[in-house]
């Protein structure tokens, strides 16, 4: 008889890795709300500039986020192989790559920011605010990239609590600096939107310093700052990381494209879609946290040459995630209107969002299945296959279908959300089939 829940000891391992990551992500959402409230007092142009520029900055950062995946997979694999003293070598190599790639990128983007902003925006007030905010944000890209790399390392050695400690501390510093630099409090200069961007970048840099300090105290037994990986290992980091970076970039860009298509349907539909997307991004946080634990546990088991254990870890993490997302789905269905009313004021937009919200809720358990299976495959080293499935489903099928369904045929938001549910369902089934097929079991990392 197949158990609905994993064994208690295995469940405890999953929760121990996932919970600190989830806590850190929740603190990030709280920070975003506080930031929006602070900047909102500067006016609509400032708030709009921060929103648009933050998204641009995320697209730039996403190009380096994949390095965290490569580090996590390789660190967990080295631990599984019993090579504890060499486990931090991928971290050392990734930090070097970030130094060589992200620092020059930050300098180039700082000077390119005005050109980027003016090419995308029309409102002079928003352009002016966006230019200075984006410049302040991009100077910290290298720090964000390194922080993600450390997250990969802490996840790989199952000490995600250190990632949580640094992230929450970093967010507290960010709130203080934003309050000081936006309004000129505590003797700081009043910088407005520029101060908001600078405060965030300084907090990211301090987070990097904290990670390095923790690493010197806690990661020395793993070889932190002692040896660089071999050239072959560096190539493995790049091979594992690039597909995930590309996947992150185009997944984010796909949301922009989706919003652009929905804007062609109606303004109310765009407002409703924005609210639904914000709700969905919060709802899938447990999927991401549990998915990261799946990557670590699968990779470690494969390092031990135990393919059956790796296979079982994928299913064990999936069971817990599906249960959590099912409970969340019930809450969303029962309280759909009150939740939507937090984001939507106009009755017309609220009515448009109701049924898509129900569709979103019903889809959450299957979303959990798909995301954990994808992360398990990444943990096994199948980053290239994962990228191809994700980008192919989103860009070759879903987005063209939405263009036909919405602007061309004139169907509303509910049908568009049904199409999204179909695309995510098929993707989840593909990832599950790939996991069951075990073609990943002999990938060298």
Protein backbone atom coordinates (compact mmCIF):
# COMPACT_ATOMS: atom_id res chain seq x y z
CA UNK A 1 0.00 0.00 0.00
CA UNK A 2 1.37 3.43 -1.01
CA UNK A 3 1.56 5.88 1.88
CA UNK A 4 -0.02 9.32 1.43
CA UNK A 5 2.72 10.87 3.58
CA UNK A 6 6.47 10.19 3.55
CA UNK A 7 8.10 8.55 6.56
CA UNK A 8 8.46 10.88 9.53
CA UNK A 9 12.27 11.09 9.39
CA UNK A 10 12.17 11.92 5.68
CA UNK A 11 9.38 14.45 6.17
CA UNK A 12 11.44 16.13 8.89
CA UNK A 13 14.40 16.47 6.53
CA UNK A 14 12.20 18.02 3.86
CA UNK A 15 10.65 20.50 6.28
CA UNK A 16 14.03 21.40 7.83
CA UNK A 17 15.33 22.49 4.41
CA UNK A 18 12.11 24.06 3.12
CA UNK A 19 10.81 26.04 6.09
CA UNK A 20 13.71 28.55 6.39
CA UNK A 21 13.55 29.20 2.63
CA UNK A 22 9.80 29.75 2.81
CA UNK A 23 10.21 32.09 5.80
CA UNK A 24 12.79 34.13 3.90
CA UNK A 25 10.52 34.39 0.87
CA UNK A 26 7.61 35.56 3.02
CA UNK A 27 9.85 38.25 4.51
CA UNK A 28 10.66 39.34 0.94
CA UNK A 29 6.96 39.80 0.23
CA UNK A 30 6.54 41.83 3.42
CA UNK A 31 9.48 43.99 2.34
CA UNK A 32 7.89 44.59 -1.06
CA UNK A 33 4.69 45.78 0.61
CA UNK A 34 6.59 48.10 2.98
CA UNK A 35 8.64 49.48 0.08
CA UNK A 36 5.50 50.14 -1.95
CA UNK A 37 3.88 51.92 1.01
CA UNK A 38 6.96 54.14 1.54
CA UNK A 39 7.38 55.05 -2.12
CA UNK A 40 3.62 55.48 -2.56
CA UNK A 41 3.80 58.67 -0.47
CA UNK A 42 6.00 60.20 -3.20
CA UNK A 43 3.20 59.99 -5.79
CA UNK A 44 1.95 57.79 -8.63
CA UNK A 45 4.91 58.53 -10.92
CA UNK A 46 7.36 57.39 -8.25
CA UNK A 47 5.38 54.24 -7.45
CA UNK A 48 5.02 53.37 -11.13
CA UNK A 49 8.72 53.98 -11.71
CA UNK A 50 9.71 51.69 -8.85
CA UNK A 51 7.40 48.93 -10.08
CA UNK A 52 8.63 49.04 -13.67
CA UNK A 53 12.30 49.47 -12.78
CA UNK A 54 12.19 46.67 -10.20
CA UNK A 55 10.90 44.34 -12.88
CA UNK A 56 13.66 45.44 -15.30
CA UNK A 57 16.22 44.83 -12.56
CA UNK A 58 14.77 41.36 -11.92
CA UNK A 59 15.16 40.49 -15.59
CA UNK A 60 18.84 41.49 -15.44
CA UNK A 61 19.40 39.56 -12.19
CA UNK A 62 17.68 36.46 -13.57
CA UNK A 63 20.59 36.01 -15.98
CA UNK A 64 22.81 35.22 -12.98
CA UNK A 65 20.31 33.39 -10.77
CA UNK A 66 21.02 30.08 -12.46
CA UNK A 67 24.46 29.95 -10.84
CA UNK A 68 22.70 29.19 -7.54
CA UNK A 69 21.15 26.10 -9.11
CA UNK A 70 24.48 24.83 -10.40
CA UNK A 71 26.08 25.35 -7.00
CA UNK A 72 23.26 23.65 -5.09
CA UNK A 73 23.22 20.57 -7.29
CA UNK A 74 27.01 20.13 -7.27
CA UNK A 75 27.42 20.80 -3.52
CA UNK A 76 24.75 18.24 -2.60
CA UNK A 77 26.28 15.74 -5.03
CA UNK A 78 29.74 16.15 -3.45
CA UNK A 79 28.28 15.57 0.02
CA UNK A 80 26.56 12.44 -1.23
CA UNK A 81 29.88 11.24 -2.66
CA UNK A 82 31.48 11.75 0.75
CA UNK A 83 33.77 14.55 -0.50
CA UNK A 84 32.84 16.97 2.28
CA UNK A 85 36.13 18.89 2.14
CA UNK A 86 35.53 19.74 -1.52
CA UNK A 87 31.82 20.53 -1.26
CA UNK A 88 32.36 24.32 -1.28
CA UNK A 89 34.54 24.28 -4.40
CA UNK A 90 31.49 24.94 -6.66
CA UNK A 91 30.61 27.91 -4.42
CA UNK A 92 34.14 29.29 -4.74
CA UNK A 93 34.02 28.92 -8.50
CA UNK A 94 30.59 30.46 -8.82
CA UNK A 95 31.61 33.48 -6.72
CA UNK A 96 34.56 33.96 -9.06
CA UNK A 97 32.27 33.75 -12.10
CA UNK A 98 29.95 36.31 -10.53
CA UNK A 99 32.90 38.61 -9.95
CA UNK A 100 34.02 38.27 -13.57
CA UNK A 101 30.54 38.56 -15.12
CA UNK A 102 28.12 40.35 -12.77
CA UNK A 103 30.41 43.24 -11.75
CA UNK A 104 31.10 44.35 -15.36
CA UNK A 105 27.38 43.87 -16.13
CA UNK A 106 26.46 46.16 -13.23
CA UNK A 107 28.82 48.89 -14.52
CA UNK A 108 27.50 48.63 -18.08
CA UNK A 109 23.85 48.65 -16.96
CA UNK A 110 24.43 51.68 -14.72
CA UNK A 111 25.42 53.79 -17.71
CA UNK A 112 22.86 52.10 -20.00
CA UNK A 113 19.91 52.59 -17.62
CA UNK A 114 18.78 56.00 -18.99
CA UNK A 115 18.74 54.65 -22.56
CA UNK A 116 16.86 51.50 -21.52
CA UNK A 117 14.22 53.48 -19.61
CA UNK A 118 13.62 56.12 -22.30
CA UNK A 119 13.24 53.41 -24.95
CA UNK A 120 10.47 51.68 -22.97
CA UNK A 121 8.53 54.52 -21.31
CA UNK A 122 6.68 57.63 -22.51
CA UNK A 123 5.71 59.62 -19.41
CA UNK A 124 8.52 62.15 -18.65
CA UNK A 125 7.85 62.04 -14.90
CA UNK A 126 8.03 58.24 -14.77
CA UNK A 127 11.13 58.26 -16.98
CA UNK A 128 12.94 60.68 -14.68
CA UNK A 129 12.17 58.65 -11.56
CA UNK A 130 12.86 55.31 -13.26
CA UNK A 131 16.30 56.36 -14.49
CA UNK A 132 17.71 57.17 -11.06
CA UNK A 133 16.00 54.24 -9.34
CA UNK A 134 17.19 51.69 -11.89
CA UNK A 135 20.74 53.04 -11.73
CA UNK A 136 20.78 52.61 -7.97
CA UNK A 137 19.39 49.09 -8.24
CA UNK A 138 21.74 47.76 -10.94
CA UNK A 139 24.86 48.68 -8.95
CA UNK A 140 23.86 45.89 -6.57
CA UNK A 141 23.31 43.19 -9.21
CA UNK A 142 26.62 41.50 -8.39
CA UNK A 143 25.65 41.31 -4.71
CA UNK A 144 22.24 39.80 -5.48
CA UNK A 145 23.93 37.24 -7.75
CA UNK A 146 26.36 36.27 -4.99
CA UNK A 147 23.54 36.06 -2.43
CA UNK A 148 21.69 33.61 -4.66
CA UNK A 149 24.90 31.61 -5.04
CA UNK A 150 25.23 31.38 -1.25
CA UNK A 151 21.59 30.26 -1.10
CA UNK A 152 22.51 27.41 -3.40
CA UNK A 153 25.39 26.44 -1.12
CA UNK A 154 23.42 26.62 2.15
CA UNK A 155 20.63 24.62 0.50
CA UNK A 156 23.12 22.05 -0.79
CA UNK A 157 24.50 21.38 2.70
CA UNK A 158 21.00 21.49 4.27
CA UNK A 159 21.70 24.58 6.37
CA UNK A 160 19.11 26.89 4.88
CA UNK A 161 18.60 28.55 8.27
CA UNK A 162 21.70 30.66 7.56
CA UNK A 163 20.14 31.87 4.33
CA UNK A 164 17.01 32.80 6.29
CA UNK A 165 18.97 34.64 9.00
CA UNK A 166 20.85 36.74 6.44
CA UNK A 167 17.78 37.45 4.32
CA UNK A 168 15.59 38.62 7.21
CA UNK A 169 18.42 40.77 8.61
CA UNK A 170 19.00 42.21 5.15
CA UNK A 171 15.33 43.11 4.82
CA UNK A 172 15.32 44.83 8.22
CA UNK A 173 18.32 46.93 7.14
CA UNK A 174 16.60 47.67 3.84
CA UNK A 175 13.48 49.01 5.55
CA UNK A 176 15.59 51.23 7.83
CA UNK A 177 17.71 52.59 4.96
CA UNK A 178 14.69 53.23 2.77
CA UNK A 179 12.96 55.13 5.58
CA UNK A 180 16.13 57.15 6.14
CA UNK A 181 17.11 57.81 2.52
CA UNK A 182 13.67 58.36 0.95
CA UNK A 183 12.54 60.99 3.46
CA UNK A 184 15.86 62.25 4.85
CA UNK A 185 15.40 60.88 8.37
CA UNK A 186 18.12 60.38 11.03
CA UNK A 187 20.39 62.95 9.41
CA UNK A 188 20.51 61.21 6.01
CA UNK A 189 19.95 63.20 2.78
CA UNK A 190 16.41 63.22 1.36
CA UNK A 191 16.81 61.33 -1.92
CA UNK A 192 13.28 60.19 -2.77
CA UNK A 193 13.08 57.32 -5.25
CA UNK A 194 16.85 57.36 -5.72
CA UNK A 195 17.23 56.72 -1.99
CA UNK A 196 14.86 53.75 -2.20
CA UNK A 197 17.05 52.14 -4.85
CA UNK A 198 20.28 52.95 -3.03
CA UNK A 199 18.95 51.61 0.28
CA UNK A 200 18.02 48.31 -1.36
CA UNK A 201 21.42 47.92 -3.05
CA UNK A 202 23.32 48.72 0.16
CA UNK A 203 21.28 46.10 2.04
CA UNK A 204 22.08 43.53 -0.67
CA UNK A 205 25.80 44.30 -0.41
CA UNK A 206 25.67 44.00 3.38
CA UNK A 207 23.89 40.66 2.88
CA UNK A 208 26.82 39.48 0.77
CA UNK A 209 29.26 40.55 3.49
CA UNK A 210 27.17 38.61 6.03
CA UNK A 211 27.21 35.49 3.84
CA UNK A 212 30.99 35.67 3.47
CA UNK A 213 31.39 36.13 7.23
CA UNK A 214 29.11 33.17 7.96
CA UNK A 215 30.98 31.17 5.35
CA UNK A 216 34.32 31.78 7.06
CA UNK A 217 32.88 30.49 10.35
CA UNK A 218 30.54 27.74 9.16
CA UNK A 219 31.73 26.61 5.74
CA UNK A 220 35.46 26.12 6.29
CA UNK A 221 35.08 22.33 6.77
CA UNK A 222 33.58 22.23 3.27
CA UNK A 223 36.56 24.01 1.69
CA UNK A 224 35.14 27.54 1.50
CA UNK A 225 37.68 30.05 0.13
CA UNK A 226 40.35 27.35 0.00
CA UNK A 227 40.29 25.78 -3.44
CA UNK A 228 38.71 26.63 -6.74
CA UNK A 229 37.05 23.84 -8.71
CA UNK A 230 38.88 22.34 -11.64
CA UNK A 231 38.27 23.61 -15.16
CA UNK A 232 35.97 20.64 -15.76
CA UNK A 233 33.98 21.52 -12.63
CA UNK A 234 33.67 25.15 -13.76
CA UNK A 235 32.34 23.89 -17.05
CA UNK A 236 29.83 21.75 -15.14
CA UNK A 237 28.69 24.78 -13.13
CA UNK A 238 28.15 26.72 -16.35
CA UNK A 239 26.46 23.75 -18.04
CA UNK A 240 24.01 23.37 -15.15
CA UNK A 241 23.49 27.09 -14.59
CA UNK A 242 22.96 28.59 -18.05
CA UNK A 243 19.74 26.64 -18.86
CA UNK A 244 18.24 27.66 -15.51
CA UNK A 245 19.22 31.31 -16.02
CA UNK A 246 17.66 31.29 -19.48
CA UNK A 247 14.55 29.60 -18.07
CA UNK A 248 14.23 32.21 -15.29
CA UNK A 249 14.68 35.10 -17.73
CA UNK A 250 12.14 33.95 -20.28
CA UNK A 251 9.65 32.81 -17.64
CA UNK A 252 9.67 36.36 -16.23
CA UNK A 253 9.56 37.88 -19.72
CA UNK A 254 6.59 35.61 -20.46
CA UNK A 255 4.59 37.31 -17.72
CA UNK A 256 5.28 40.69 -19.33
CA UNK A 257 4.11 39.33 -22.66
CA UNK A 258 0.99 37.85 -21.05
CA UNK A 259 0.10 41.21 -19.48
CA UNK A 260 0.66 42.96 -22.81
CA UNK A 261 -1.70 40.51 -24.56
CA UNK A 262 -4.36 40.85 -21.83
CA UNK A 263 -4.11 44.65 -22.07
CA UNK A 264 -5.45 44.26 -25.62
CA UNK A 265 -8.60 42.64 -24.18
CA UNK A 266 -9.62 45.34 -21.65
CA UNK A 267 -8.26 47.53 -18.86
CA UNK A 268 -10.37 45.69 -16.26
CA UNK A 269 -8.96 42.39 -17.50
CA UNK A 270 -5.41 43.72 -17.09
CA UNK A 271 -6.12 44.88 -13.52
CA UNK A 272 -7.71 41.52 -12.67
CA UNK A 273 -4.81 39.60 -14.25
CA UNK A 274 -2.29 41.62 -12.25
CA UNK A 275 -4.13 40.82 -9.00
CA UNK A 276 -4.41 37.12 -9.89
CA UNK A 277 -0.73 36.91 -10.78
CA UNK A 278 0.29 38.51 -7.49
CA UNK A 279 -1.88 36.00 -5.61
CA UNK A 280 -0.46 33.10 -7.63
CA UNK A 281 3.15 34.18 -7.02
CA UNK A 282 2.49 34.15 -3.27
CA UNK A 283 0.65 30.82 -3.46
CA UNK A 284 3.53 29.03 -5.20
CA UNK A 285 6.12 30.09 -2.61
CA UNK A 286 5.74 26.72 -0.82
CA UNK A 287 6.28 24.99 -4.19
CA UNK A 288 9.57 26.82 -4.67
CA UNK A 289 10.75 26.17 -1.10
CA UNK A 290 9.85 22.46 -1.25
CA UNK A 291 11.27 22.27 -4.77
CA UNK A 292 14.65 23.53 -3.56
CA UNK A 293 14.66 20.81 -0.91
CA UNK A 294 13.86 18.24 -3.61
CA UNK A 295 16.87 19.39 -5.67
CA UNK A 296 19.20 18.97 -2.68
CA UNK A 297 17.89 15.59 -1.53
CA UNK A 298 17.80 14.12 -5.02
CA UNK A 299 21.33 15.29 -5.85
CA UNK A 300 22.74 14.03 -2.55
CA UNK A 301 21.15 10.60 -3.05
CA UNK A 302 22.60 10.38 -6.56
CA UNK A 303 26.01 11.26 -5.10
CA UNK A 304 25.62 8.15 -2.95
CA UNK A 305 24.82 6.17 -6.11
CA UNK A 306 21.37 5.42 -4.69
CA UNK A 307 19.06 6.08 -7.63
CA UNK A 308 16.05 4.48 -5.97
CA UNK A 309 16.39 6.79 -2.97
CA UNK A 310 16.70 9.79 -5.27
CA UNK A 311 13.54 8.69 -7.09
CA UNK A 312 11.68 8.30 -3.79
CA UNK A 313 12.78 11.75 -2.59
CA UNK A 314 11.08 13.28 -5.62
CA UNK A 315 7.79 11.64 -4.67
CA UNK A 316 8.13 12.30 -0.93
CA UNK A 317 8.61 16.03 -1.45
CA UNK A 318 5.73 16.05 -3.92
CA UNK A 319 3.36 14.45 -1.40
CA UNK A 320 4.00 17.12 1.23
CA UNK A 321 3.77 19.96 -1.27
CA UNK A 322 0.49 18.73 -2.76
CA UNK A 323 -1.05 18.49 0.72
CA UNK A 324 0.02 22.06 1.60
CA UNK A 325 -1.22 23.47 -1.72
CA UNK A 326 -4.52 21.57 -1.45
CA UNK A 327 -5.20 23.21 1.91
CA UNK A 328 -4.32 26.58 0.40
CA UNK A 329 -6.64 25.88 -2.54
CA UNK A 330 -9.57 25.27 -0.19
CA UNK A 331 -8.92 28.62 1.50
CA UNK A 332 -8.77 30.39 -1.87
CA UNK A 333 -12.06 28.86 -2.99
CA UNK A 334 -13.90 29.66 0.26
CA UNK A 335 -12.59 33.22 0.48
CA UNK A 336 -12.09 34.11 -3.18
CA UNK A 337 -13.95 37.43 -3.09
CA UNK A 338 -12.43 38.78 0.16
CA UNK A 339 -8.93 37.93 -1.08
CA UNK A 340 -9.50 39.57 -4.46
CA UNK A 341 -11.02 42.66 -2.85
CA UNK A 342 -7.66 43.35 -1.19
CA UNK A 343 -6.23 43.99 -4.65
CA UNK A 344 -9.27 45.13 -6.65
CA UNK A 345 -11.62 47.99 -5.81
CA UNK A 346 -13.74 48.31 -8.95
CA UNK A 347 -16.67 45.89 -9.10
CA UNK A 348 -16.20 45.19 -12.81
CA UNK A 349 -12.61 44.02 -12.32
CA UNK A 350 -13.57 42.02 -9.24
CA UNK A 351 -16.27 40.17 -11.17
CA UNK A 352 -13.85 39.40 -14.00
CA UNK A 353 -11.33 37.94 -11.55
CA UNK A 354 -13.69 35.66 -9.58
CA UNK A 355 -13.82 32.58 -11.85
CA UNK A 356 -10.14 32.80 -12.84
CA UNK A 357 -9.44 32.81 -9.09
CA UNK A 358 -11.42 29.58 -8.69
CA UNK A 359 -9.52 28.07 -11.63
CA UNK A 360 -6.23 29.16 -10.04
CA UNK A 361 -7.20 27.51 -6.75
CA UNK A 362 -8.26 24.23 -8.35
CA UNK A 363 -4.95 24.12 -10.22
CA UNK A 364 -2.72 24.58 -7.15
CA UNK A 365 -2.23 20.86 -6.29
CA UNK A 366 -1.25 20.11 -9.88
CA UNK A 367 1.01 23.18 -9.86
CA UNK A 368 2.71 21.68 -6.81
CA UNK A 369 3.27 18.41 -8.68
CA UNK A 370 4.78 20.16 -11.70
CA UNK A 371 7.09 22.49 -9.79
CA UNK A 372 8.49 19.83 -7.47
CA UNK A 373 9.04 17.42 -10.35
CA UNK A 374 10.85 20.19 -12.27
CA UNK A 375 13.13 20.96 -9.31
CA UNK A 376 13.78 17.24 -8.75
CA UNK A 377 14.88 16.96 -12.39
CA UNK A 378 17.13 20.00 -11.92
CA UNK A 379 18.61 18.36 -8.83
CA UNK A 380 19.40 15.31 -10.95
CA UNK A 381 21.22 17.56 -13.43
CA UNK A 382 18.54 17.64 -16.14
CA UNK A 383 18.54 21.46 -16.31
CA UNK A 384 18.69 21.55 -20.10
CA UNK A 385 15.65 19.31 -20.56
CA UNK A 386 13.74 21.24 -17.91
CA UNK A 387 14.45 24.51 -19.72
CA UNK A 388 13.31 23.13 -23.09
CA UNK A 389 10.00 21.89 -21.69
CA UNK A 390 9.32 25.10 -19.76
CA UNK A 391 10.16 27.52 -22.57
CA UNK A 392 8.53 25.39 -25.24
CA UNK A 393 5.24 25.14 -23.35
CA UNK A 394 5.17 28.84 -22.44
CA UNK A 395 6.45 30.52 -25.62
CA UNK A 396 5.50 28.08 -28.39
CA UNK A 397 2.08 26.99 -27.10
CA UNK A 398 0.59 29.07 -24.28
CA UNK A 399 1.40 32.66 -25.31
CA UNK A 400 0.42 32.18 -29.00
CA UNK A 401 -2.80 30.47 -27.82
CA UNK A 402 -3.63 33.38 -25.50
CA UNK A 403 -3.10 35.84 -28.37
CA UNK A 404 -5.64 33.92 -30.45
CA UNK A 405 -8.08 33.40 -27.55
CA UNK A 406 -7.99 37.01 -26.34
CA UNK A 407 -7.35 39.79 -28.89
CA UNK A 408 -8.32 37.78 -32.00
CA UNK A 409 -11.33 35.69 -30.89
CA UNK A 410 -12.42 38.08 -28.14
CA UNK A 411 -12.78 35.61 -25.28
CA UNK A 412 -12.46 36.94 -21.75
CA UNK A 413 -10.11 36.45 -18.83
CA UNK A 414 -11.75 33.23 -17.59
CA UNK A 415 -11.00 31.44 -20.86
CA UNK A 416 -7.44 32.80 -20.85
CA UNK A 417 -6.97 31.43 -17.32
CA UNK A 418 -8.39 28.09 -18.44
CA UNK A 419 -5.75 28.05 -21.17
CA UNK A 420 -3.09 28.78 -18.57
CA UNK A 421 -4.43 25.94 -16.40
CA UNK A 422 -4.26 23.59 -19.39
CA UNK A 423 -0.69 24.60 -20.22
CA UNK A 424 0.51 24.20 -16.63
CA UNK A 425 -1.30 20.84 -16.37
CA UNK A 426 0.34 19.45 -19.49
CA UNK A 427 3.72 20.74 -18.31
CA UNK A 428 3.25 19.05 -14.92
CA UNK A 429 2.38 15.77 -16.66
CA UNK A 430 5.48 16.01 -18.87
CA UNK A 431 7.77 16.63 -15.89
CA UNK A 432 6.15 13.75 -14.00
CA UNK A 433 6.61 11.41 -16.97
CA UNK A 434 10.26 12.46 -17.22
CA UNK A 435 10.73 11.70 -13.52
CA UNK A 436 9.05 8.30 -13.77
CA UNK A 437 11.10 7.46 -16.86
CA UNK A 438 14.36 7.85 -14.85
CA UNK A 439 16.34 9.13 -17.82
CA UNK A 440 18.00 11.54 -15.36
CA UNK A 441 19.49 8.85 -13.15
CA UNK A 442 22.92 8.68 -14.81
CA UNK A 443 23.60 12.36 -15.52
CA UNK A 444 27.12 13.30 -14.45
CA UNK A 445 27.49 16.44 -12.33
